[in-house]
């Protein structure tokens, strides 16, 4: 019975609230840092460059822009080449390559195009 009378020390409500605020702020900072690290990675650049290559391929087919060219799209340099496929008159091979500012190849897109 003597053990039940002993008082247990506990935190006050203010101390508990301060601890929870510190934990929430820490998680918020950690999440922000994590998102910044993910968005600055090479994989994000590769995905962006592949989306740009697909957009250019659609424009080439719609506007019949069948000439070799080097394009500047945002932070990428795009190399566009169109080559006759196996000597066929109406069949061409579209080759698109995306390079970063430091000339590192990020993505490549290949497609066969028919013309009329």
PDB file of N, CA and C in Angstrom:
ATOM      1  N   UNK A   1       0.803  -1.172   0.000  1.00  0.00           N
ATOM      2  CA  UNK A   1       0.000   0.000   0.000  1.00  0.00           C
ATOM      3  C   UNK A   1       0.865   1.262   0.000  1.00  0.00           C
ATOM      4  N   UNK A   2       2.040   1.157   0.540  1.00  0.00           N
ATOM      5  CA  UNK A   2       2.934   2.307   0.611  1.00  0.00           C
ATOM      6  C   UNK A   2       3.435   2.704  -0.769  1.00  0.00           C
ATOM      7  N   UNK A   3       3.532   1.764  -1.680  1.00  0.00           N
ATOM      8  CA  UNK A   3       3.995   2.056  -3.030  1.00  0.00           C
ATOM      9  C   UNK A   3       2.985   2.863  -3.833  1.00  0.00           C
ATOM     10  N   UNK A   4       1.729   2.719  -3.552  1.00  0.00           N
ATOM     11  CA  UNK A   4       0.699   3.422  -4.292  1.00  0.00           C
ATOM     12  C   UNK A   4       0.624   4.908  -3.936  1.00  0.00           C
ATOM     13  N   UNK A   5       1.115   5.301  -2.817  1.00  0.00           N
ATOM     14  CA  UNK A   5       1.036   6.680  -2.375  1.00  0.00           C
ATOM     15  C   UNK A   5       2.161   7.519  -2.981  1.00  0.00           C
ATOM     16  N   UNK A   6       3.246   6.904  -3.426  1.00  0.00           N
ATOM     17  CA  UNK A   6       4.388   7.628  -3.964  1.00  0.00           C
ATOM     18  C   UNK A   6       3.985   8.368  -5.236  1.00  0.00           C
ATOM     19  N   UNK A   7       4.419   9.632  -5.362  1.00  0.00           N
ATOM     20  CA  UNK A   7       4.071  10.469  -6.507  1.00  0.00           C
ATOM     21  C   UNK A   7       5.064  10.239  -7.635  1.00  0.00           C
ATOM     22  N   UNK A   8       4.577  10.225  -8.853  1.00  0.00           N
ATOM     23  CA  UNK A   8       5.413  10.070 -10.036  1.00  0.00           C
ATOM     24  C   UNK A   8       5.581  11.450 -10.662  1.00  0.00           C
ATOM     25  N   UNK A   9       6.839  11.811 -10.989  1.00  0.00           N
ATOM     26  CA  UNK A   9       7.067  13.108 -11.612  1.00  0.00           C
ATOM     27  C   UNK A   9       6.676  13.032 -13.093  1.00  0.00           C
ATOM     28  N   UNK A  10       6.039  14.079 -13.568  1.00  0.00           N
ATOM     29  CA  UNK A  10       5.592  14.118 -14.959  1.00  0.00           C
ATOM     30  C   UNK A  10       5.865  15.508 -15.534  1.00  0.00           C
ATOM     31  N   UNK A  11       5.794  15.595 -16.859  1.00  0.00           N
ATOM     32  CA  UNK A  11       5.994  16.870 -17.536  1.00  0.00           C
ATOM     33  C   UNK A  11       4.713  17.695 -17.459  1.00  0.00           C
ATOM     34  N   UNK A  12       4.898  18.996 -17.510  1.00  0.00           N
ATOM     35  CA  UNK A  12       3.729  19.856 -17.521  1.00  0.00           C
ATOM     36  C   UNK A  12       3.208  19.946 -18.952  1.00  0.00           C
ATOM     37  N   UNK A  13       2.050  20.524 -19.084  1.00  0.00           N
ATOM     38  CA  UNK A  13       1.438  20.670 -20.400  1.00  0.00           C
ATOM     39  C   UNK A  13       2.277  21.585 -21.283  1.00  0.00           C
ATOM     40  N   UNK A  14       2.830  22.632 -20.737  1.00  0.00           N
ATOM     41  CA  UNK A  14       3.655  23.565 -21.506  1.00  0.00           C
ATOM     42  C   UNK A  14       4.916  22.871 -22.017  1.00  0.00           C
ATOM     43  N   UNK A  15       5.560  22.083 -21.196  1.00  0.00           N
ATOM     44  CA  UNK A  15       6.763  21.350 -21.633  1.00  0.00           C
ATOM     45  C   UNK A  15       6.440  20.380 -22.764  1.00  0.00           C
ATOM     46  N   UNK A  16       5.308  19.710 -22.667  1.00  0.00           N
ATOM     47  CA  UNK A  16       4.899  18.761 -23.715  1.00  0.00           C
ATOM     48  C   UNK A  16       4.632  19.486 -25.025  1.00  0.00           C
ATOM     49  N   UNK A  17       3.965  20.638 -24.962  1.00  0.00           N
ATOM     50  CA  UNK A  17       3.687  21.406 -26.175  1.00  0.00           C
ATOM     51  C   UNK A  17       4.975  21.912 -26.819  1.00  0.00           C
ATOM     52  N   UNK A  18       5.920  22.377 -26.015  1.00  0.00           N
ATOM     53  CA  UNK A  18       7.201  22.848 -26.557  1.00  0.00           C
ATOM     54  C   UNK A  18       7.953  21.703 -27.229  1.00  0.00           C
ATOM     55  N   UNK A  19       7.950  20.533 -26.631  1.00  0.00           N
ATOM     56  CA  UNK A  19       8.619  19.373 -27.228  1.00  0.00           C
ATOM     57  C   UNK A  19       7.971  19.001 -28.561  1.00  0.00           C
ATOM     58  N   UNK A  20       6.645  19.043 -28.631  1.00  0.00           N
ATOM     59  CA  UNK A  20       5.961  18.710 -29.885  1.00  0.00           C
ATOM     60  C   UNK A  20       6.264  19.739 -30.972  1.00  0.00           C
ATOM     61  N   UNK A  21       6.335  21.010 -30.619  1.00  0.00           N
ATOM     62  CA  UNK A  21       6.659  22.054 -31.594  1.00  0.00           C
ATOM     63  C   UNK A  21       8.072  21.850 -32.130  1.00  0.00           C
ATOM     64  N   UNK A  22       9.012  21.525 -31.262  1.00  0.00           N
ATOM     65  CA  UNK A  22      10.392  21.279 -31.692  1.00  0.00           C
ATOM     66  C   UNK A  22      10.449  20.093 -32.651  1.00  0.00           C
ATOM     67  N   UNK A  23       9.720  19.049 -32.374  1.00  0.00           N
ATOM     68  CA  UNK A  23       9.705  17.863 -33.237  1.00  0.00           C
ATOM     69  C   UNK A  23       9.080  18.204 -34.591  1.00  0.00           C
ATOM     70  N   UNK A  24       7.987  18.941 -34.614  1.00  0.00           N
ATOM     71  CA  UNK A  24       7.324  19.306 -35.867  1.00  0.00           C
ATOM     72  C   UNK A  24       8.232  20.195 -36.714  1.00  0.00           C
ATOM     73  N   UNK A  25       8.904  21.144 -36.108  1.00  0.00           N
ATOM     74  CA  UNK A  25       9.828  22.010 -36.849  1.00  0.00           C
ATOM     75  C   UNK A  25      10.982  21.191 -37.418  1.00  0.00           C
ATOM     76  N   UNK A  26      11.501  20.255 -36.638  1.00  0.00           N
ATOM     77  CA  UNK A  26      12.589  19.388 -37.124  1.00  0.00           C
ATOM     78  C   UNK A  26      12.144  18.562 -38.323  1.00  0.00           C
ATOM     79  N   UNK A  27      10.954  17.984 -38.266  1.00  0.00           N
ATOM     80  CA  UNK A  27      10.444  17.211 -39.400  1.00  0.00           C
ATOM     81  C   UNK A  27      10.214  18.098 -40.615  1.00  0.00           C
ATOM     82  N   UNK A  28       9.737  19.314 -40.406  1.00  0.00           N
ATOM     83  CA  UNK A  28       9.531  20.237 -41.516  1.00  0.00           C
ATOM     84  C   UNK A  28      10.839  20.586 -42.221  1.00  0.00           C
ATOM     85  N   UNK A  29      11.872  20.866 -41.465  1.00  0.00           N
ATOM     86  CA  UNK A  29      13.182  21.178 -42.053  1.00  0.00           C
ATOM     87  C   UNK A  29      13.740  19.963 -42.780  1.00  0.00           C
ATOM     88  N   UNK A  30      13.625  18.789 -42.179  1.00  0.00           N
ATOM     89  CA  UNK A  30      14.137  17.569 -42.811  1.00  0.00           C
ATOM     90  C   UNK A  30      13.404  17.280 -44.121  1.00  0.00           C
ATOM     91  N   UNK A  31      12.099  17.484 -44.147  1.00  0.00           N
ATOM     92  CA  UNK A  31      11.325  17.253 -45.368  1.00  0.00           C
ATOM     93  C   UNK A  31      11.729  18.228 -46.462  1.00  0.00           C
ATOM     94  N   UNK A  32      11.938  19.479 -46.115  1.00  0.00           N
ATOM     95  CA  UNK A  32      12.357  20.487 -47.094  1.00  0.00           C
ATOM     96  C   UNK A  32      13.711  20.134 -47.700  1.00  0.00           C
ATOM     97  N   UNK A  33      14.650  19.732 -46.856  1.00  0.00           N
ATOM     98  CA  UNK A  33      15.974  19.351 -47.348  1.00  0.00           C
ATOM     99  C   UNK A  33      15.866  18.131 -48.261  1.00  0.00           C
ATOM    100  N   UNK A  34      15.070  17.157 -47.879  1.00  0.00           N
ATOM    101  CA  UNK A  34      14.899  15.938 -48.666  1.00  0.00           C
ATOM    102  C   UNK A  34      14.306  16.253 -50.044  1.00  0.00           C
ATOM    103  N   UNK A  35      13.308  17.102 -50.099  1.00  0.00           N
ATOM    104  CA  UNK A  35      12.689  17.467 -51.385  1.00  0.00           C
ATOM    105  C   UNK A  35      13.667  18.223 -52.266  1.00  0.00           C
ATOM    106  N   UNK A  36      14.465  19.115 -51.679  1.00  0.00           N
ATOM    107  CA  UNK A  36      15.459  19.851 -52.462  1.00  0.00           C
ATOM    108  C   UNK A  36      16.520  18.917 -53.037  1.00  0.00           C
ATOM    109  N   UNK A  37      16.936  17.932 -52.278  1.00  0.00           N
ATOM    110  CA  UNK A  37      17.929  16.974 -52.770  1.00  0.00           C
ATOM    111  C   UNK A  37      17.352  16.154 -53.918  1.00  0.00           C
ATOM    112  N   UNK A  38      16.109  15.732 -53.788  1.00  0.00           N
ATOM    113  CA  UNK A  38      15.484  14.941 -54.857  1.00  0.00           C
ATOM    114  C   UNK A  38      15.283  15.746 -56.126  1.00  0.00           C
ATOM    115  N   UNK A  39      14.880  16.996 -56.003  1.00  0.00           N
ATOM    116  CA  UNK A  39      14.581  17.787 -57.193  1.00  0.00           C
ATOM    117  C   UNK A  39      15.831  18.276 -57.914  1.00  0.00           C
ATOM    118  N   UNK A  40      16.970  18.244 -57.278  1.00  0.00           N
ATOM    119  CA  UNK A  40      18.186  18.716 -57.933  1.00  0.00           C
ATOM    120  C   UNK A  40      19.008  17.572 -58.523  1.00  0.00           C
ATOM    121  N   UNK A  41      18.500  16.386 -58.474  1.00  0.00           N
ATOM    122  CA  UNK A  41      19.247  15.234 -58.939  1.00  0.00           C
ATOM    123  C   UNK A  41      19.274  15.092 -60.447  1.00  0.00           C
ATOM    124  N   UNK A  42      20.129  14.202 -60.909  1.00  0.00           N
ATOM    125  CA  UNK A  42      20.293  13.965 -62.342  1.00  0.00           C
ATOM    126  C   UNK A  42      19.063  13.285 -62.945  1.00  0.00           C
ATOM    127  N   UNK A  43      18.367  12.492 -62.159  1.00  0.00           N
ATOM    128  CA  UNK A  43      17.182  11.798 -62.676  1.00  0.00           C
ATOM    129  C   UNK A  43      16.100  12.795 -63.093  1.00  0.00           C
ATOM    130  N   UNK A  44      15.963  13.871 -62.352  1.00  0.00           N
ATOM    131  CA  UNK A  44      14.968  14.876 -62.702  1.00  0.00           C
ATOM    132  C   UNK A  44      15.338  15.530 -64.035  1.00  0.00           C
ATOM    133  N   UNK A  45      16.629  15.812 -64.226  1.00  0.00           N
ATOM    134  CA  UNK A  45      17.077  16.385 -65.498  1.00  0.00           C
ATOM    135  C   UNK A  45      16.813  15.421 -66.647  1.00  0.00           C
ATOM    136  N   UNK A  46      17.046  14.136 -66.420  1.00  0.00           N
ATOM    137  CA  UNK A  46      16.799  13.151 -67.470  1.00  0.00           C
ATOM    138  C   UNK A  46      15.318  13.100 -67.834  1.00  0.00           C
ATOM    139  N   UNK A  47      14.443  13.145 -66.837  1.00  0.00           N
ATOM    140  CA  UNK A  47      13.008  13.118 -67.115  1.00  0.00           C
ATOM    141  C   UNK A  47      12.559  14.368 -67.871  1.00  0.00           C
ATOM    142  N   UNK A  48      13.074  15.529 -67.457  1.00  0.00           N
ATOM    143  CA  UNK A  48      12.729  16.771 -68.153  1.00  0.00           C
ATOM    144  C   UNK A  48      13.208  16.738 -69.599  1.00  0.00           C
ATOM    145  N   UNK A  49      14.438  16.272 -69.805  1.00  0.00           N
ATOM    146  CA  UNK A  49      14.975  16.241 -71.164  1.00  0.00           C
ATOM    147  C   UNK A  49      14.210  15.249 -72.037  1.00  0.00           C
ATOM    148  N   UNK A  50      13.791  14.121 -71.484  1.00  0.00           N
ATOM    149  CA  UNK A  50      13.019  13.147 -72.266  1.00  0.00           C
ATOM    150  C   UNK A  50      11.662  13.726 -72.651  1.00  0.00           C
ATOM    151  N   UNK A  51      11.043  14.477 -71.764  1.00  0.00           N
ATOM    152  CA  UNK A  51       9.762  15.120 -72.088  1.00  0.00           C
ATOM    153  C   UNK A  51       9.944  16.145 -73.206  1.00  0.00           C
ATOM    154  N   UNK A  52      11.042  16.887 -73.171  1.00  0.00           N
ATOM    155  CA  UNK A  52      11.316  17.867 -74.223  1.00  0.00           C
ATOM    156  C   UNK A  52      11.549  17.165 -75.556  1.00  0.00           C
ATOM    157  N   UNK A  53      12.279  16.043 -75.544  1.00  0.00           N
ATOM    158  CA  UNK A  53      12.526  15.295 -76.778  1.00  0.00           C
ATOM    159  C   UNK A  53      11.218  14.788 -77.384  1.00  0.00           C
ATOM    160  N   UNK A  54      10.323  14.305 -76.550  1.00  0.00           N
ATOM    161  CA  UNK A  54       9.035  13.825 -77.055  1.00  0.00           C
ATOM    162  C   UNK A  54       8.213  14.973 -77.640  1.00  0.00           C
ATOM    163  N   UNK A  55       8.272  16.134 -77.011  1.00  0.00           N
ATOM    164  CA  UNK A  55       7.559  17.302 -77.526  1.00  0.00           C
ATOM    165  C   UNK A  55       8.128  17.720 -78.890  1.00  0.00           C
ATOM    166  N   UNK A  56       9.441  17.712 -79.014  1.00  0.00           N
ATOM    167  CA  UNK A  56      10.075  18.076 -80.284  1.00  0.00           C
ATOM    168  C   UNK A  56       9.723  17.067 -81.364  1.00  0.00           C
ATOM    169  N   UNK A  57       9.675  15.784 -81.014  1.00  0.00           N
ATOM    170  CA  UNK A  57       9.314  14.755 -81.995  1.00  0.00           C
ATOM    171  C   UNK A  57       7.906  14.982 -82.530  1.00  0.00           C
ATOM    172  N   UNK A  58       6.993  15.361 -81.673  1.00  0.00           N
ATOM    173  CA  UNK A  58       5.621  15.647 -82.113  1.00  0.00           C
ATOM    174  C   UNK A  58       5.613  16.857 -83.039  1.00  0.00           C
ATOM    175  N   UNK A  59       6.380  17.902 -82.679  1.00  0.00           N
ATOM    176  CA  UNK A  59       6.440  19.098 -83.524  1.00  0.00           C
ATOM    177  C   UNK A  59       7.044  18.786 -84.891  1.00  0.00           C
ATOM    178  N   UNK A  60       8.070  17.947 -84.919  1.00  0.00           N
ATOM    179  CA  UNK A  60       8.713  17.574 -86.186  1.00  0.00           C
ATOM    180  C   UNK A  60       7.709  16.886 -87.097  1.00  0.00           C
ATOM    181  N   UNK A  61       6.928  15.961 -86.544  1.00  0.00           N
ATOM    182  CA  UNK A  61       5.956  15.230 -87.353  1.00  0.00           C
ATOM    183  C   UNK A  61       4.803  16.118 -87.807  1.00  0.00           C
ATOM    184  N   UNK A  62       4.335  17.004 -86.937  1.00  0.00           N
ATOM    185  CA  UNK A  62       3.205  17.862 -87.295  1.00  0.00           C
ATOM    186  C   UNK A  62       3.587  18.924 -88.324  1.00  0.00           C
ATOM    187  N   UNK A  63       4.754  19.542 -88.140  1.00  0.00           N
ATOM    188  CA  UNK A  63       5.160  20.657 -88.996  1.00  0.00           C
ATOM    189  C   UNK A  63       6.058  20.232 -90.154  1.00  0.00           C
ATOM    190  N   UNK A  64       6.340  18.933 -90.261  1.00  0.00           N
ATOM    191  CA  UNK A  64       7.203  18.396 -91.319  1.00  0.00           C
ATOM    192  C   UNK A  64       8.561  19.102 -91.358  1.00  0.00           C
ATOM    193  N   UNK A  65       9.201  19.212 -90.197  1.00  0.00           N
ATOM    194  CA  UNK A  65      10.517  19.849 -90.074  1.00  0.00           C
ATOM    195  C   UNK A  65      11.602  18.784 -90.210  1.00  0.00           C
ATOM    196  N   UNK A  66      11.802  18.290 -91.417  1.00  0.00           N
ATOM    197  CA  UNK A  66      12.706  17.174 -91.650  1.00  0.00           C
ATOM    198  C   UNK A  66      14.103  17.645 -92.030  1.00  0.00           C
ATOM    199  N   UNK A  67      14.692  18.509 -91.212  1.00  0.00           N
ATOM    200  CA  UNK A  67      16.055  18.991 -91.434  1.00  0.00           C
ATOM    201  C   UNK A  67      16.870  18.774 -90.166  1.00  0.00           C
ATOM    202  N   UNK A  68      18.162  18.467 -90.339  1.00  0.00           N
ATOM    203  CA  UNK A  68      19.047  18.344 -89.178  1.00  0.00           C
ATOM    204  C   UNK A  68      19.201  19.713 -88.528  1.00  0.00           C
ATOM    205  N   UNK A  69      19.269  19.707 -87.197  1.00  0.00           N
ATOM    206  CA  UNK A  69      19.333  20.991 -86.506  1.00  0.00           C
ATOM    207  C   UNK A  69      19.844  20.778 -85.080  1.00  0.00           C
ATOM    208  N   UNK A  70      20.402  21.832 -84.499  1.00  0.00           N
ATOM    209  CA  UNK A  70      20.746  21.876 -83.084  1.00  0.00           C
ATOM    210  C   UNK A  70      19.878  22.945 -82.450  1.00  0.00           C
ATOM    211  N   UNK A  71      19.139  22.559 -81.415  1.00  0.00           N
ATOM    212  CA  UNK A  71      18.186  23.465 -80.773  1.00  0.00           C
ATOM    213  C   UNK A  71      18.592  23.729 -79.337  1.00  0.00           C
ATOM    214  N   UNK A  72      18.171  24.850 -78.811  1.00  0.00           N
ATOM    215  CA  UNK A  72      18.373  25.186 -77.406  1.00  0.00           C
ATOM    216  C   UNK A  72      17.001  25.260 -76.756  1.00  0.00           C
ATOM    217  N   UNK A  73      16.721  24.338 -75.858  1.00  0.00           N
ATOM    218  CA  UNK A  73      15.437  24.297 -75.145  1.00  0.00           C
ATOM    219  C   UNK A  73      15.713  24.423 -73.654  1.00  0.00           C
ATOM    220  N   UNK A  74      15.497  25.596 -73.111  1.00  0.00           N
ATOM    221  CA  UNK A  74      15.734  25.805 -71.686  1.00  0.00           C
ATOM    222  C   UNK A  74      17.192  25.598 -71.356  1.00  0.00           C
ATOM    223  N   UNK A  75      17.464  24.665 -70.478  1.00  0.00           N
ATOM    224  CA  UNK A  75      18.836  24.381 -70.057  1.00  0.00           C
ATOM    225  C   UNK A  75      19.479  23.244 -70.855  1.00  0.00           C
ATOM    226  N   UNK A  76      18.811  22.780 -71.892  1.00  0.00           N
ATOM    227  CA  UNK A  76      19.305  21.650 -72.667  1.00  0.00           C
ATOM    228  C   UNK A  76      19.644  22.066 -74.099  1.00  0.00           C
ATOM    229  N   UNK A  77      20.601  21.348 -74.680  1.00  0.00           N
ATOM    230  CA  UNK A  77      20.924  21.487 -76.094  1.00  0.00           C
ATOM    231  C   UNK A  77      20.434  20.204 -76.768  1.00  0.00           C
ATOM    232  N   UNK A  78      19.605  20.362 -77.788  1.00  0.00           N
ATOM    233  CA  UNK A  78      18.999  19.224 -78.468  1.00  0.00           C
ATOM    234  C   UNK A  78      19.638  19.079 -79.845  1.00  0.00           C
ATOM    235  N   UNK A  79      20.085  17.869 -80.143  1.00  0.00           N
ATOM    236  CA  UNK A  79      20.655  17.561 -81.458  1.00  0.00           C
ATOM    237  C   UNK A  79      19.625  16.737 -82.222  1.00  0.00           C
ATOM    238  N   UNK A  80      19.176  17.273 -83.373  1.00  0.00           N
ATOM    239  CA  UNK A  80      18.152  16.589 -84.173  1.00  0.00           C
ATOM    240  C   UNK A  80      18.771  16.148 -85.491  1.00  0.00           C
ATOM    241  N   UNK A  81      18.657  14.848 -85.786  1.00  0.00           N
ATOM    242  CA  UNK A  81      19.136  14.314 -87.056  1.00  0.00           C
ATOM    243  C   UNK A  81      18.039  13.464 -87.671  1.00  0.00           C
ATOM    244  N   UNK A  82      17.880  13.628 -88.974  1.00  0.00           N
ATOM    245  CA  UNK A  82      16.912  12.820 -89.715  1.00  0.00           C
ATOM    246  C   UNK A  82      17.665  12.140 -90.842  1.00  0.00           C
ATOM    247  N   UNK A  83      17.607  10.812 -90.855  1.00  0.00           N
ATOM    248  CA  UNK A  83      18.368  10.007 -91.801  1.00  0.00           C
ATOM    249  C   UNK A  83      17.403   9.099 -92.555  1.00  0.00           C
ATOM    250  N   UNK A  84      17.646   8.922 -93.843  1.00  0.00           N
ATOM    251  CA  UNK A  84      16.847   7.991 -94.630  1.00  0.00           C
ATOM    252  C   UNK A  84      17.055   6.584 -94.061  1.00  0.00           C
ATOM    253  N   UNK A  85      15.974   5.855 -93.914  1.00  0.00           N
ATOM    254  CA  UNK A  85      16.045   4.533 -93.301  1.00  0.00           C
ATOM    255  C   UNK A  85      16.184   3.460 -94.382  1.00  0.00           C
ATOM    256  N   UNK A  86      17.318   2.817 -94.428  1.00  0.00           N
ATOM    257  CA  UNK A  86      17.615   1.728 -95.376  1.00  0.00           C
ATOM    258  C   UNK A  86      17.352   2.126 -96.827  1.00  0.00           C
ATOM    259  N   UNK A  87      17.603   3.369 -97.156  1.00  0.00           N
ATOM    260  CA  UNK A  87      17.440   3.824 -98.530  1.00  0.00           C
ATOM    261  C   UNK A  87      16.001   3.958 -98.982  1.00  0.00           C
ATOM    262  N   UNK A  88      15.057   3.862 -98.076  1.00  0.00           N
ATOM    263  CA  UNK A  88      13.641   3.990 -98.423  1.00  0.00           C
ATOM    264  C   UNK A  88      13.315   5.451 -98.735  1.00  0.00           C
ATOM    265  N   UNK A  89      12.426   5.650 -99.684  1.00  0.00           N
ATOM    266  CA  UNK A  89      12.101   7.003-100.122  1.00  0.00           C
ATOM    267  C   UNK A  89      11.213   7.748 -99.120  1.00  0.00           C
ATOM    268  N   UNK A  90      10.276   7.061 -98.477  1.00  0.00           N
ATOM    269  CA  UNK A  90       9.318   7.709 -97.597  1.00  0.00           C
ATOM    270  C   UNK A  90       9.461   7.307 -96.129  1.00  0.00           C
ATOM    271  N   UNK A  91      10.584   6.717 -95.774  1.00  0.00           N
ATOM    272  CA  UNK A  91      10.784   6.269 -94.400  1.00  0.00           C
ATOM    273  C   UNK A  91      12.074   6.880 -93.858  1.00  0.00           C
ATOM    274  N   UNK A  92      11.956   7.590 -92.729  1.00  0.00           N
ATOM    275  CA  UNK A  92      13.098   8.281 -92.144  1.00  0.00           C
ATOM    276  C   UNK A  92      13.259   7.898 -90.675  1.00  0.00           C
ATOM    277  N   UNK A  93      14.491   7.974 -90.208  1.00  0.00           N
ATOM    278  CA  UNK A  93      14.821   7.694 -88.821  1.00  0.00           C
ATOM    279  C   UNK A  93      15.098   9.024 -88.127  1.00  0.00           C
ATOM    280  N   UNK A  94      14.249   9.368 -87.161  1.00  0.00           N
ATOM    281  CA  UNK A  94      14.421  10.596 -86.381  1.00  0.00           C
ATOM    282  C   UNK A  94      15.256  10.270 -85.153  1.00  0.00           C
ATOM    283  N   UNK A  95      16.388  10.950 -85.007  1.00  0.00           N
ATOM    284  CA  UNK A  95      17.272  10.768 -83.852  1.00  0.00           C
ATOM    285  C   UNK A  95      17.364  12.087 -83.098  1.00  0.00           C
ATOM    286  N   UNK A  96      16.959  12.072 -81.839  1.00  0.00           N
ATOM    287  CA  UNK A  96      17.051  13.251 -80.988  1.00  0.00           C
ATOM    288  C   UNK A  96      17.919  12.907 -79.780  1.00  0.00           C
ATOM    289  N   UNK A  97      18.828  13.808 -79.441  1.00  0.00           N
ATOM    290  CA  UNK A  97      19.672  13.640 -78.262  1.00  0.00           C
ATOM    291  C   UNK A  97      19.651  14.934 -77.460  1.00  0.00           C
ATOM    292  N   UNK A  98      19.544  14.796 -76.147  1.00  0.00           N
ATOM    293  CA  UNK A  98      19.550  15.951 -75.254  1.00  0.00           C
ATOM    294  C   UNK A  98      20.853  15.956 -74.462  1.00  0.00           C
ATOM    295  N   UNK A  99      21.482  17.127 -74.425  1.00  0.00           N
ATOM    296  CA  UNK A  99      22.737  17.303 -73.698  1.00  0.00           C
ATOM    297  C   UNK A  99      22.564  18.389 -72.642  1.00  0.00           C
ATOM    298  N   UNK A 100      23.281  18.230 -71.534  1.00  0.00           N
ATOM    299  CA  UNK A 100      23.267  19.258 -70.496  1.00  0.00           C
ATOM    300  C   UNK A 100      24.226  20.372 -70.881  1.00  0.00           C
ATOM    301  N   UNK A 101      24.337  21.389 -70.032  1.00  0.00           N
ATOM    302  CA  UNK A 101      25.221  22.519 -70.303  1.00  0.00           C
ATOM    303  C   UNK A 101      26.678  22.095 -70.411  1.00  0.00           C
ATOM    304  N   UNK A 102      27.054  21.056 -69.662  1.00  0.00           N
ATOM    305  CA  UNK A 102      28.445  20.585 -69.716  1.00  0.00           C
ATOM    306  C   UNK A 102      28.625  19.448 -70.719  1.00  0.00           C
ATOM    307  N   UNK A 103      27.768  19.392 -71.731  1.00  0.00           N
ATOM    308  CA  UNK A 103      27.839  18.454 -72.862  1.00  0.00           C
ATOM    309  C   UNK A 103      27.711  16.989 -72.459  1.00  0.00           C
ATOM    310  N   UNK A 104      27.038  16.712 -71.377  1.00  0.00           N
ATOM    311  CA  UNK A 104      26.781  15.334 -70.980  1.00  0.00           C
ATOM    312  C   UNK A 104      25.431  14.908 -71.557  1.00  0.00           C
ATOM    313  N   UNK A 105      25.407  13.766 -72.246  1.00  0.00           N
ATOM    314  CA  UNK A 105      24.160  13.279 -72.852  1.00  0.00           C
ATOM    315  C   UNK A 105      23.222  12.799 -71.753  1.00  0.00           C
ATOM    316  N   UNK A 106      22.007  13.338 -71.756  1.00  0.00           N
ATOM    317  CA  UNK A 106      21.025  12.983 -70.737  1.00  0.00           C
ATOM    318  C   UNK A 106      19.974  12.010 -71.251  1.00  0.00           C
ATOM    319  N   UNK A 107      19.546  12.189 -72.498  1.00  0.00           N
ATOM    320  CA  UNK A 107      18.477  11.345 -73.033  1.00  0.00           C
ATOM    321  C   UNK A 107      18.622  11.217 -74.538  1.00  0.00           C
ATOM    322  N   UNK A 108      18.014  10.150 -75.054  1.00  0.00           N
ATOM    323  CA  UNK A 108      18.033   9.899 -76.495  1.00  0.00           C
ATOM    324  C   UNK A 108      16.657   9.398 -76.903  1.00  0.00           C
ATOM    325  N   UNK A 109      16.205   9.837 -78.083  1.00  0.00           N
ATOM    326  CA  UNK A 109      14.882   9.464 -78.590  1.00  0.00           C
ATOM    327  C   UNK A 109      15.037   9.043 -80.045  1.00  0.00           C
ATOM    328  N   UNK A 110      14.492   7.894 -80.401  1.00  0.00           N
ATOM    329  CA  UNK A 110      14.555   7.380 -81.767  1.00  0.00           C
ATOM    330  C   UNK A 110      13.148   7.013 -82.227  1.00  0.00           C
ATOM    331  N   UNK A 111      12.828   7.345 -83.484  1.00  0.00           N
ATOM    332  CA  UNK A 111      11.519   7.012 -84.036  1.00  0.00           C
ATOM    333  C   UNK A 111      11.607   6.931 -85.550  1.00  0.00           C
ATOM    334  N   UNK A 112      10.856   6.013 -86.121  1.00  0.00           N
ATOM    335  CA  UNK A 112      10.723   5.935 -87.561  1.00  0.00           C
ATOM    336  C   UNK A 112       9.531   6.773 -87.996  1.00  0.00           C
ATOM    337  N   UNK A 113       9.736   7.598 -89.025  1.00  0.00           N
ATOM    338  CA  UNK A 113       8.708   8.510 -89.505  1.00  0.00           C
ATOM    339  C   UNK A 113       8.433   8.219 -90.969  1.00  0.00           C
ATOM    340  N   UNK A 114       7.173   8.127 -91.304  1.00  0.00           N
ATOM    341  CA  UNK A 114       6.803   7.983 -92.708  1.00  0.00           C
ATOM    342  C   UNK A 114       6.350   9.332 -93.237  1.00  0.00           C
ATOM    343  N   UNK A 115       6.717   9.611 -94.490  1.00  0.00           N
ATOM    344  CA  UNK A 115       6.289  10.856 -95.128  1.00  0.00           C
ATOM    345  C   UNK A 115       5.502  10.508 -96.380  1.00  0.00           C
ATOM    346  N   UNK A 116       4.757  11.446 -96.865  1.00  0.00           N
ATOM    347  CA  UNK A 116       3.940  11.208 -98.057  1.00  0.00           C
ATOM    348  C   UNK A 116       4.429  12.043 -99.215  1.00  0.00           C
TER     349      UNK A 116
END
